Amino acid sequence: MIDEVASPIVEPDAIHLVVLTGMSGGGKTVALRALEDLEFYCVDNMPAELIPQLVAAVSQGEHGPRRRIAVGVDVRNRRIDLSRMPHVLSELSTAGVHVHLIFLDSRDDVLIKRYSETRRRHPLAAERRSLADSIAEERRLLRPLVSIAEKVIDTSDLNVHQLRRLFATGYAAASDGTTLLFESFAYRRGLPSDADFVFDARCLPNPHWDPRLRPFSGKDLPVREFLDANPLVGEYYADVARWLDTWLPRFDGEDRSYVTVSIGCTGGRHRSVYLVEKLAQHFRSERGNVLTFHRELE
């Protein structure tokens, strides 16, 4: 498992451009969505020659400058476009933009399996070209980018949730202070492997047993109203919030980028999701870097 996804963004006031590239099926779309959740300005399948214009427009926007930008680049762009990428990124770096090129890779057998499961067409697929041949050609075309990447991430053994969380914590960690990640999960699918604190919400009333509430999640109003109305839920939330209020400040002084608080219930859809959202709202009023991740809803 990869411990971090990128070098720290040590100058948060500077313009930072994250360029996501790599093998089709390697997880670029998942990573881009994770960065979007962190309020990066994200654009997928961006032509190389337009990237400097995008950075200039976004970083000087009339509705307020955006300092964190992410673009996806892959073989859907023209071959000459890919060959120009190192030159474009070098020019941006010379102009003072902090460029972070991240290459998402995976083993060929895993890529073939992912394409078989999703039944998607490879962007280089052509008549008489097998999937294996398309992957080999893609590796050849992307060689100029992998050679200059700041980080190469092998996603072969990562699922969608792990990859998204990896990017969320990695880039949130680049901000000032300790990032607080609240994660909901289902006990029947196992404990999160890297939680710092785990709270069990299975003792609370379960909306699952109400047929009207079952299709909803803890983010939806009917479930929130059901749980808000129960004094036991309010008492549980208050106790957890009070405990975290007392002990989380002790971690801010330590040399760690994030703290993960996991809350589980039976199915990971109602009680744990409700508590994660409510706790995140409480702590966002007191500190900056607060993220949520709902493992069973993703």
Protein backbone atom coordinates (compact mmCIF):
# COMPACT_ATOMS: atom_id res chain seq x y z
CA MET A 1 0.00 0.00 0.00
CA ILE A 2 1.27 3.46 -0.94
CA ASP A 3 1.71 5.79 2.03
CA GLU A 4 1.39 9.06 0.13
CA VAL A 5 0.33 10.16 -3.29
CA ALA A 6 2.36 13.32 -3.78
CA SER A 7 5.05 15.55 -2.42
CA PRO A 8 3.68 18.10 0.06
CA ILE A 9 2.35 21.36 -1.36
CA VAL A 10 4.57 23.52 0.78
CA GLU A 11 3.44 26.82 -0.76
CA PRO A 12 -0.38 26.78 -0.61
CA ASP A 13 -0.62 30.35 -1.95
CA ALA A 14 1.17 29.39 -5.17
CA ILE A 15 -0.60 27.99 -8.23
CA HIS A 16 -0.52 24.18 -8.18
CA LEU A 17 -1.34 22.12 -11.27
CA VAL A 18 -1.83 18.37 -10.85
CA VAL A 19 -1.61 16.51 -14.16
CA LEU A 20 -3.13 13.04 -13.97
CA THR A 21 -2.11 10.65 -16.70
CA GLY A 22 -1.46 6.96 -17.11
CA MET A 23 -2.91 3.77 -18.46
CA SER A 24 -6.57 3.62 -19.46
CA GLY A 25 -8.29 1.68 -16.69
CA GLY A 26 -5.62 2.72 -14.18
CA GLY A 27 -7.96 4.92 -12.12
CA LYS A 28 -7.47 8.41 -13.51
CA THR A 29 -11.19 9.26 -13.39
CA VAL A 30 -11.45 8.15 -9.77
CA ALA A 31 -8.42 10.25 -8.82
CA LEU A 32 -9.79 13.29 -10.64
CA ARG A 33 -13.10 13.03 -8.75
CA ALA A 34 -11.24 12.80 -5.46
CA LEU A 35 -9.38 16.02 -6.26
CA GLU A 36 -12.64 17.66 -7.28
CA ASP A 37 -14.01 16.85 -3.83
CA LEU A 38 -11.02 18.76 -2.44
CA GLU A 39 -12.11 21.82 -4.44
CA PHE A 40 -9.55 21.47 -7.19
CA TYR A 41 -10.73 22.94 -10.49
CA CYS A 42 -10.80 19.75 -12.59
CA VAL A 43 -10.89 19.18 -16.36
CA ASP A 44 -10.56 15.78 -18.03
CA ASN A 45 -9.05 14.98 -21.44
CA MET A 46 -7.36 18.36 -21.72
CA PRO A 47 -5.38 19.13 -24.91
CA ALA A 48 -1.79 20.01 -24.05
CA GLU A 49 -1.75 23.31 -25.92
CA LEU A 50 -4.77 24.57 -23.92
CA ILE A 51 -3.41 23.82 -20.45
CA PRO A 52 -1.52 27.15 -20.07
CA GLN A 53 -4.68 29.03 -21.07
CA LEU A 54 -6.72 27.07 -18.54
CA VAL A 55 -4.25 27.79 -15.74
CA ALA A 56 -4.22 31.49 -16.59
CA ALA A 57 -8.02 31.74 -16.78
CA VAL A 58 -8.72 29.79 -13.57
CA SER A 59 -5.96 31.36 -11.48
CA GLN A 60 -7.12 34.87 -12.44
CA GLY A 61 -10.87 34.25 -12.44
CA GLU A 62 -13.09 37.26 -11.90
CA HIS A 63 -15.06 35.34 -9.25
CA GLY A 64 -11.91 34.74 -7.25
CA PRO A 65 -8.64 33.02 -8.16
CA ARG A 66 -8.36 29.24 -7.92
CA ARG A 67 -4.91 28.05 -6.89
CA ARG A 68 -5.45 24.30 -7.16
CA ILE A 69 -6.08 22.90 -10.64
CA ALA A 70 -6.14 19.31 -11.91
CA VAL A 71 -6.27 18.06 -15.50
CA GLY A 72 -6.53 14.60 -16.96
CA VAL A 73 -4.37 13.73 -19.95
CA ASP A 74 -4.37 10.40 -21.76
CA VAL A 75 -4.12 8.72 -25.15
CA ARG A 76 -7.46 10.11 -26.26
CA ASN A 77 -5.40 13.19 -27.13
CA ARG A 78 -3.49 13.17 -30.41
CA ARG A 79 -0.03 11.58 -30.42
CA ILE A 80 1.66 14.89 -31.20
CA ASP A 81 -0.23 16.33 -28.21
CA LEU A 82 1.34 13.80 -25.85
CA SER A 83 4.80 14.44 -27.22
CA ARG A 84 4.39 18.17 -26.47
CA MET A 85 3.38 17.63 -22.85
CA PRO A 86 6.92 17.74 -21.35
CA HIS A 87 7.58 21.05 -23.14
CA VAL A 88 4.25 22.56 -21.98
CA LEU A 89 4.79 21.50 -18.37
CA SER A 90 8.37 22.83 -18.43
CA GLU A 91 7.12 26.23 -19.62
CA LEU A 92 4.51 26.33 -16.86
CA SER A 93 7.15 25.49 -14.25
CA THR A 94 9.38 28.26 -15.58
CA ALA A 95 6.45 30.66 -15.23
CA GLY A 96 6.15 29.80 -11.53
CA VAL A 97 3.39 27.19 -11.61
CA HIS A 98 4.03 24.21 -9.32
CA VAL A 99 3.44 21.23 -11.61
CA HIS A 100 2.77 17.75 -10.18
CA LEU A 101 2.66 15.01 -12.84
CA ILE A 102 1.13 11.81 -11.46
CA PHE A 103 1.18 8.63 -13.56
CA LEU A 104 -1.39 5.92 -12.72
CA ASP A 105 -0.22 2.50 -13.82
CA SER A 106 -1.39 -1.07 -13.42
CA ARG A 107 -0.29 -4.53 -14.49
CA ASP A 108 -1.45 -5.64 -17.92
CA ASP A 109 -3.42 -8.60 -16.54
CA VAL A 110 -5.30 -6.30 -14.16
CA LEU A 111 -6.09 -3.83 -16.94
CA ILE A 112 -7.42 -6.65 -19.12
CA LYS A 113 -9.58 -7.89 -16.25
CA ARG A 114 -10.97 -4.40 -15.60
CA TYR A 115 -11.88 -3.95 -19.25
CA SER A 116 -13.52 -7.38 -19.30
CA GLU A 117 -15.60 -6.56 -16.23
CA THR A 118 -16.76 -3.15 -17.47
CA ARG A 119 -17.00 -4.15 -21.17
CA ARG A 120 -15.58 -0.75 -22.09
CA ARG A 121 -13.75 -0.23 -25.35
CA HIS A 122 -10.08 0.67 -25.09
CA PRO A 123 -9.43 4.12 -26.63
CA LEU A 124 -6.79 2.61 -28.94
CA ALA A 125 -8.90 -0.38 -29.92
CA ALA A 126 -9.05 -0.83 -33.67
CA GLU A 127 -9.99 -3.53 -36.11
CA ARG A 128 -7.63 -6.52 -35.84
CA ARG A 129 -5.95 -5.10 -32.72
CA SER A 130 -6.42 -7.12 -29.54
CA LEU A 131 -6.83 -5.57 -26.11
CA ALA A 132 -3.33 -6.70 -25.17
CA ASP A 133 -1.93 -5.02 -28.29
CA SER A 134 -3.85 -1.81 -27.48
CA ILE A 135 -2.36 -1.76 -23.99
CA ALA A 136 1.14 -2.30 -25.36
CA GLU A 137 0.70 0.56 -27.85
CA GLU A 138 -0.61 2.82 -25.07
CA ARG A 139 2.47 2.11 -22.96
CA ARG A 140 4.64 3.10 -25.89
CA LEU A 141 2.79 6.38 -26.44
CA LEU A 142 2.88 7.32 -22.75
CA ARG A 143 6.60 6.60 -22.32
CA PRO A 144 7.58 10.33 -22.51
CA LEU A 145 5.23 11.11 -19.61
CA VAL A 146 6.09 8.25 -17.27
CA SER A 147 9.76 9.17 -17.56
CA ILE A 148 9.16 12.67 -16.12
CA ALA A 149 6.40 11.83 -13.61
CA GLU A 150 6.78 13.10 -10.06
CA LYS A 151 5.07 9.96 -8.82
CA VAL A 152 4.12 6.64 -10.46
CA ILE A 153 1.29 4.86 -8.64
CA ASP A 154 0.60 1.20 -9.25
CA THR A 155 -3.15 0.72 -8.74
CA SER A 156 -3.12 -3.03 -9.46
CA ASP A 157 -4.00 -3.97 -5.87
CA LEU A 158 -6.17 -0.94 -5.04
CA ASN A 159 -9.94 -0.88 -5.34
CA VAL A 160 -11.89 2.25 -6.24
CA HIS A 161 -12.44 3.24 -2.61
CA GLN A 162 -8.79 2.83 -1.63
CA LEU A 163 -7.57 4.85 -4.60
CA ARG A 164 -10.00 7.68 -3.98
CA ARG A 165 -9.08 7.80 -0.31
CA LEU A 166 -5.39 7.74 -1.19
CA PHE A 167 -5.75 10.88 -3.28
CA ALA A 168 -8.09 12.59 -0.84
CA THR A 169 -5.77 12.20 2.11
CA GLY A 170 -2.63 12.80 0.07
CA TYR A 171 -3.68 16.15 -1.34
CA ALA A 172 -5.65 17.30 1.67
CA ALA A 173 -2.47 16.67 3.65
CA ALA A 174 -0.81 19.34 1.54
CA SER A 175 -2.89 22.01 3.28
CA ASP A 176 -2.00 23.64 6.58
CA GLY A 177 -2.80 21.65 9.70
CA THR A 178 -3.93 18.06 10.26
CA THR A 179 -6.64 16.79 7.92
CA LEU A 180 -9.56 15.08 9.63
CA LEU A 181 -11.21 12.30 7.62
CA PHE A 182 -14.56 10.87 8.75
CA GLU A 183 -15.37 7.52 7.15
CA SER A 184 -18.52 5.41 7.33
CA PHE A 185 -18.40 1.65 6.80
CA ALA A 186 -20.33 -1.61 7.15
CA TYR A 187 -19.15 -4.04 9.81
CA ARG A 188 -20.26 -6.95 7.66
CA ARG A 189 -17.62 -5.91 5.10
CA GLY A 190 -14.85 -5.55 7.61
CA LEU A 191 -13.08 -2.76 9.49
CA PRO A 192 -11.17 -0.06 7.59
CA SER A 193 -7.52 -1.06 7.68
CA ASP A 194 -6.08 2.34 8.51
CA ALA A 195 -8.58 3.94 10.89
CA ASP A 196 -7.14 5.80 13.89
CA PHE A 197 -10.42 5.70 15.84
CA VAL A 198 -13.42 3.39 15.33
CA PHE A 199 -16.91 3.94 16.77
CA ASP A 200 -19.67 1.32 16.63
CA ALA A 201 -23.15 2.71 15.88
CA ARG A 202 -24.96 -0.65 15.72
CA CYS A 203 -26.53 0.02 19.11
CA LEU A 204 -28.67 2.81 17.63
CA PRO A 205 -32.15 2.42 16.07
CA ASN A 206 -31.80 1.10 12.53
CA PRO A 207 -33.75 2.88 9.74
CA HIS A 208 -33.23 -0.21 7.59
CA TRP A 209 -36.18 -1.90 9.28
CA ASP A 210 -38.58 0.80 8.11
CA PRO A 211 -39.48 -0.08 4.48
CA ARG A 212 -40.06 3.61 3.73
CA LEU A 213 -36.53 4.55 4.83
CA ARG A 214 -34.62 1.54 3.54
CA PRO A 215 -33.93 2.93 0.02
CA PHE A 216 -32.45 6.14 1.43
CA SER A 217 -29.06 6.80 3.02
CA GLY A 218 -27.99 8.77 6.06
CA LYS A 219 -27.47 11.78 3.80
CA ASP A 220 -31.17 11.95 2.89
CA LEU A 221 -33.72 14.03 4.80
CA PRO A 222 -36.16 11.21 5.76
CA VAL A 223 -33.38 9.22 7.46
CA ARG A 224 -31.91 12.33 9.11
CA GLU A 225 -35.32 13.28 10.51
CA PHE A 226 -35.85 9.74 11.85
CA LEU A 227 -32.48 9.71 13.63
CA ASP A 228 -32.73 13.34 14.80
CA ALA A 229 -35.96 12.49 16.59
CA ASN A 230 -34.41 9.73 18.69
CA PRO A 231 -32.85 10.90 22.00
CA LEU A 232 -30.47 7.92 22.08
CA VAL A 233 -28.95 9.00 18.75
CA GLY A 234 -28.51 12.55 20.01
CA GLU A 235 -26.80 11.30 23.16
CA TYR A 236 -24.45 9.05 21.17
CA TYR A 237 -23.51 11.88 18.80
CA ALA A 238 -22.89 14.30 21.68
CA ASP A 239 -20.64 11.81 23.48
CA VAL A 240 -18.55 11.11 20.37
CA ALA A 241 -18.27 14.80 19.47
CA ARG A 242 -17.26 15.67 23.04
CA TRP A 243 -14.60 12.95 23.10
CA LEU A 244 -13.15 14.06 19.76
CA ASP A 245 -13.23 17.71 20.82
CA THR A 246 -11.10 16.75 23.81
CA TRP A 247 -8.55 14.49 22.16
CA LEU A 248 -8.14 15.55 18.51
CA PRO A 249 -6.21 18.73 19.42
CA ARG A 250 -3.52 16.46 20.86
CA PHE A 251 -2.81 15.19 17.34
CA ASP A 252 -2.48 18.65 15.80
CA GLY A 253 0.86 19.13 17.48
CA GLU A 254 2.23 15.85 16.17
CA ASP A 255 4.01 15.30 12.87
CA ARG A 256 1.10 13.64 11.05
CA SER A 257 -0.86 14.80 8.04
CA TYR A 258 -4.28 13.32 8.78
CA VAL A 259 -6.40 11.50 11.36
CA THR A 260 -9.11 9.04 10.30
CA VAL A 261 -12.25 8.57 12.39
CA SER A 262 -14.34 5.59 11.23
CA ILE A 263 -17.93 4.97 12.24
CA GLY A 264 -19.59 1.67 11.41
CA CYS A 265 -23.04 0.17 11.43
CA THR A 266 -24.46 -3.05 10.00
CA GLY A 267 -24.92 -2.00 6.38
CA GLY A 268 -22.92 1.23 6.30
CA ARG A 269 -25.76 3.20 4.70
CA HIS A 270 -27.85 4.85 7.41
CA ARG A 271 -26.60 5.35 10.97
CA SER A 272 -22.88 5.56 10.22
CA VAL A 273 -23.41 7.88 7.24
CA TYR A 274 -25.66 10.15 9.30
CA LEU A 275 -23.11 10.41 12.11
CA VAL A 276 -20.19 11.00 9.75
CA GLU A 277 -22.01 13.89 8.05
CA LYS A 278 -23.12 15.40 11.36
CA LEU A 279 -19.65 15.17 12.91
CA ALA A 280 -18.00 16.58 9.79
CA GLN A 281 -20.37 19.55 9.88
CA HIS A 282 -19.51 20.16 13.54
CA PHE A 283 -15.74 20.10 12.98
CA ARG A 284 -15.84 22.17 9.79
CA SER A 285 -16.99 25.07 11.93
CA GLU A 286 -13.80 24.78 13.99
CA ARG A 287 -11.06 23.68 11.56
CA GLY A 288 -10.26 23.75 7.87
CA ASN A 289 -9.38 20.32 6.49
CA VAL A 290 -12.35 18.03 7.10
CA LEU A 291 -13.24 15.28 4.59
CA THR A 292 -15.93 12.61 4.46
CA PHE A 293 -15.79 9.22 2.80
CA HIS A 294 -18.68 6.74 2.68
CA ARG A 295 -17.20 3.38 1.80
CA GLU A 296 -20.47 1.60 1.05
CA LEU A 297 -22.02 4.47 -0.91
CA GLU A 298 -19.13 5.01 -3.35
